[in-house]
Amino acid sequence: MASDLSVGEFASRAGIPVSTVHYYEAEGLIQSWRTPANHRRYDRRELRRVAIVRVAQSVGIPLAEVRDVLDRIPRNRAISARQWAEAAAPWREALDERIALLTRMRDQMGFCIGCGCLSLDSCPLYNAGDRLGRNGAGARRWVGEGEERSTLD
């Protein structure tokens, strides 16, 4: 068909290496079909799926979650804005949480990361008595597990 692309053409158009095309296909993110000569061919509409994968990966969404969303959208026809919004809705909360985390990190990085190791002089101000340490090791204010807020938050 005129809208079909070879693996090399598809990779070039998508801006990814051929190996990534094969990987995405193995992961069930995109599909191909085979010619009678056993050559892989890709429908041009699969390029949209690659674009979604690449954008999602750029903001840290795991491929398993990307696949779940892609499985909700039709392959052989255009989708409406409403259908896409419904399919991508699970990402909204995760992205909002990531944005909040990055904003806190940006705003507080000059003070303390919440683990008690940055400065013995200032930690009593931000983590008196190492109270965040009672919630476990690591940067407790950033990982969100059992976090306890200081008065600076």
Protein backbone atom coordinates (compact mmCIF):
# COMPACT_ATOMS: atom_id res chain seq x y z
CA MET A 1 0.00 0.00 0.00
CA ALA A 2 1.06 3.59 -0.57
CA SER A 3 0.82 4.45 3.13
CA ASP A 4 3.06 1.58 4.20
CA LEU A 5 6.71 2.09 5.11
CA SER A 6 9.68 -0.25 5.22
CA VAL A 7 11.39 -0.58 8.59
CA GLY A 8 14.15 1.79 7.47
CA GLU A 9 11.70 4.37 6.14
CA PHE A 10 9.60 4.07 9.28
CA ALA A 11 12.63 4.50 11.56
CA SER A 12 13.83 7.51 9.59
CA ARG A 13 10.40 9.16 9.62
CA ALA A 14 9.97 8.45 13.36
CA GLY A 15 13.47 9.74 14.17
CA ILE A 16 14.55 6.55 15.92
CA PRO A 17 17.01 3.75 15.13
CA VAL A 18 15.75 0.58 13.43
CA SER A 19 16.65 -1.33 16.60
CA THR A 20 14.21 0.86 18.54
CA VAL A 21 11.48 0.15 15.99
CA HIS A 22 12.04 -3.58 16.55
CA TYR A 23 12.08 -3.10 20.33
CA TYR A 24 8.83 -1.11 20.32
CA GLU A 25 7.24 -3.82 18.21
CA ALA A 26 8.49 -6.58 20.53
CA GLU A 27 7.00 -4.63 23.46
CA GLY A 28 3.61 -4.46 21.72
CA LEU A 29 3.69 -0.69 21.29
CA ILE A 30 3.52 -0.78 17.49
CA GLN A 31 2.60 -3.39 14.88
CA SER A 32 3.87 -4.37 11.46
CA TRP A 33 2.82 -6.80 8.79
CA ARG A 34 4.88 -8.91 6.40
CA THR A 35 5.00 -8.83 2.62
CA PRO A 36 5.00 -12.07 0.60
CA ALA A 37 8.81 -11.66 0.54
CA ASN A 38 8.72 -11.59 4.38
CA HIS A 39 9.71 -7.91 4.65
CA ARG A 40 8.29 -5.91 7.53
CA ARG A 41 5.98 -3.07 6.60
CA TYR A 42 4.52 -0.42 8.89
CA ASP A 43 1.35 1.54 8.41
CA ARG A 44 2.09 5.26 8.48
CA ARG A 45 -0.46 5.65 11.30
CA GLU A 46 1.91 3.76 13.61
CA LEU A 47 4.12 6.88 13.57
CA ARG A 48 1.61 8.60 15.87
CA ARG A 49 2.01 5.77 18.35
CA VAL A 50 5.81 6.17 18.27
CA ALA A 51 5.40 9.90 18.90
CA ILE A 52 3.24 9.14 21.95
CA VAL A 53 5.82 6.65 23.24
CA ARG A 54 8.68 9.10 22.83
CA VAL A 55 6.88 11.98 24.55
CA ALA A 56 5.75 9.70 27.39
CA GLN A 57 9.28 8.36 27.85
CA SER A 58 10.67 11.89 27.92
CA VAL A 59 8.61 12.63 31.04
CA GLY A 60 9.43 9.31 32.69
CA ILE A 61 6.31 7.26 32.03
CA PRO A 62 7.24 3.56 32.03
CA LEU A 63 6.67 1.61 28.81
CA ALA A 64 4.17 -0.71 30.52
CA GLU A 65 1.97 2.30 31.29
CA VAL A 66 2.43 3.62 27.76
CA ARG A 67 1.31 0.25 26.38
CA ASP A 68 -1.79 0.32 28.60
CA VAL A 69 -2.78 3.70 27.16
CA LEU A 70 -1.98 2.71 23.58
CA ASP A 71 -4.10 -0.41 23.99
CA ARG A 72 -7.09 1.88 24.64
CA ILE A 73 -6.86 3.72 21.35
CA PRO A 74 -7.86 2.29 17.95
CA ARG A 75 -5.16 1.41 15.44
CA ASN A 76 -7.00 1.66 12.15
CA ARG A 77 -8.72 5.03 12.41
CA ALA A 78 -8.25 8.49 13.82
CA ILE A 79 -9.39 9.03 17.39
CA SER A 80 -11.32 11.97 18.74
CA ALA A 81 -9.93 14.40 21.29
CA ARG A 82 -12.36 12.94 23.84
CA GLN A 83 -11.13 9.38 23.20
CA TRP A 84 -7.51 10.47 23.59
CA ALA A 85 -8.30 12.39 26.80
CA GLU A 86 -9.98 9.30 28.26
CA ALA A 87 -7.11 7.03 27.24
CA ALA A 88 -4.43 9.35 28.64
CA ALA A 89 -6.31 10.23 31.86
CA PRO A 90 -4.25 7.82 34.01
CA TRP A 91 -1.14 9.87 33.24
CA ARG A 92 -2.61 13.13 34.54
CA GLU A 93 -2.31 12.27 38.25
CA ALA A 94 1.18 10.79 37.87
CA LEU A 95 2.38 13.83 35.95
CA ASP A 96 0.79 16.21 38.48
CA GLU A 97 2.64 14.36 41.28
CA ARG A 98 5.92 14.49 39.34
CA ILE A 99 5.46 18.23 38.68
CA ALA A 100 4.81 18.87 42.39
CA LEU A 101 7.89 16.84 43.35
CA LEU A 102 10.12 18.68 40.87
CA THR A 103 8.76 22.05 42.01
CA ARG A 104 9.52 21.20 45.66
CA MET A 105 12.96 19.99 44.69
CA ARG A 106 13.70 23.16 42.72
CA ASP A 107 12.44 25.41 45.52
CA GLN A 108 14.19 23.62 48.40
CA MET A 109 17.36 22.22 46.88
CA GLY A 110 19.42 25.07 48.32
CA PHE A 111 18.32 24.20 51.86
CA CYS A 112 18.01 20.50 52.53
CA ILE A 113 16.98 17.37 50.70
CA GLY A 114 15.47 15.90 53.84
CA CYS A 115 17.96 13.18 54.63
CA GLY A 116 20.03 14.89 57.32
CA CYS A 117 23.31 14.73 55.40
CA LEU A 118 23.57 18.09 53.66
CA SER A 119 24.73 20.28 56.54
CA LEU A 120 25.06 19.60 60.22
CA ASP A 121 24.72 23.34 60.83
CA SER A 122 21.37 23.72 59.08
CA CYS A 123 19.77 20.30 59.57
CA PRO A 124 18.61 21.10 63.10
CA LEU A 125 16.57 23.88 61.50
CA TYR A 126 14.96 21.67 58.84
CA ASN A 127 15.02 18.23 60.42
CA ALA A 128 15.32 18.72 64.17
CA GLY A 129 16.26 15.52 66.00
CA ASP A 130 16.47 13.77 62.60
CA ARG A 131 12.71 13.15 62.77
CA LEU A 132 12.65 12.34 59.03
CA GLY A 133 15.15 9.54 59.71
CA ARG A 134 12.44 7.72 61.70
CA ASN A 135 10.59 7.22 58.42
CA GLY A 136 13.48 5.35 56.82
CA ALA A 137 16.71 5.96 54.99
CA GLY A 138 17.11 8.29 52.05
CA ALA A 139 15.62 11.57 50.96
CA ARG A 140 12.28 11.25 52.73
CA ARG A 141 10.87 14.60 51.67
CA TRP A 142 11.33 13.72 48.02
CA VAL A 143 10.23 10.11 47.75
CA GLY A 144 6.86 10.75 49.36
CA GLU A 145 6.83 7.62 51.52
CA GLY A 146 5.76 8.43 55.07
CA GLU A 147 7.06 11.93 54.66
CA GLU A 148 6.85 14.40 57.46
CA ARG A 149 6.78 18.06 56.48
CA SER A 150 8.95 20.66 58.11
CA THR A 151 7.63 24.14 58.79
CA LEU A 152 9.37 25.33 55.61
CA ASP A 153 7.17 23.27 53.28
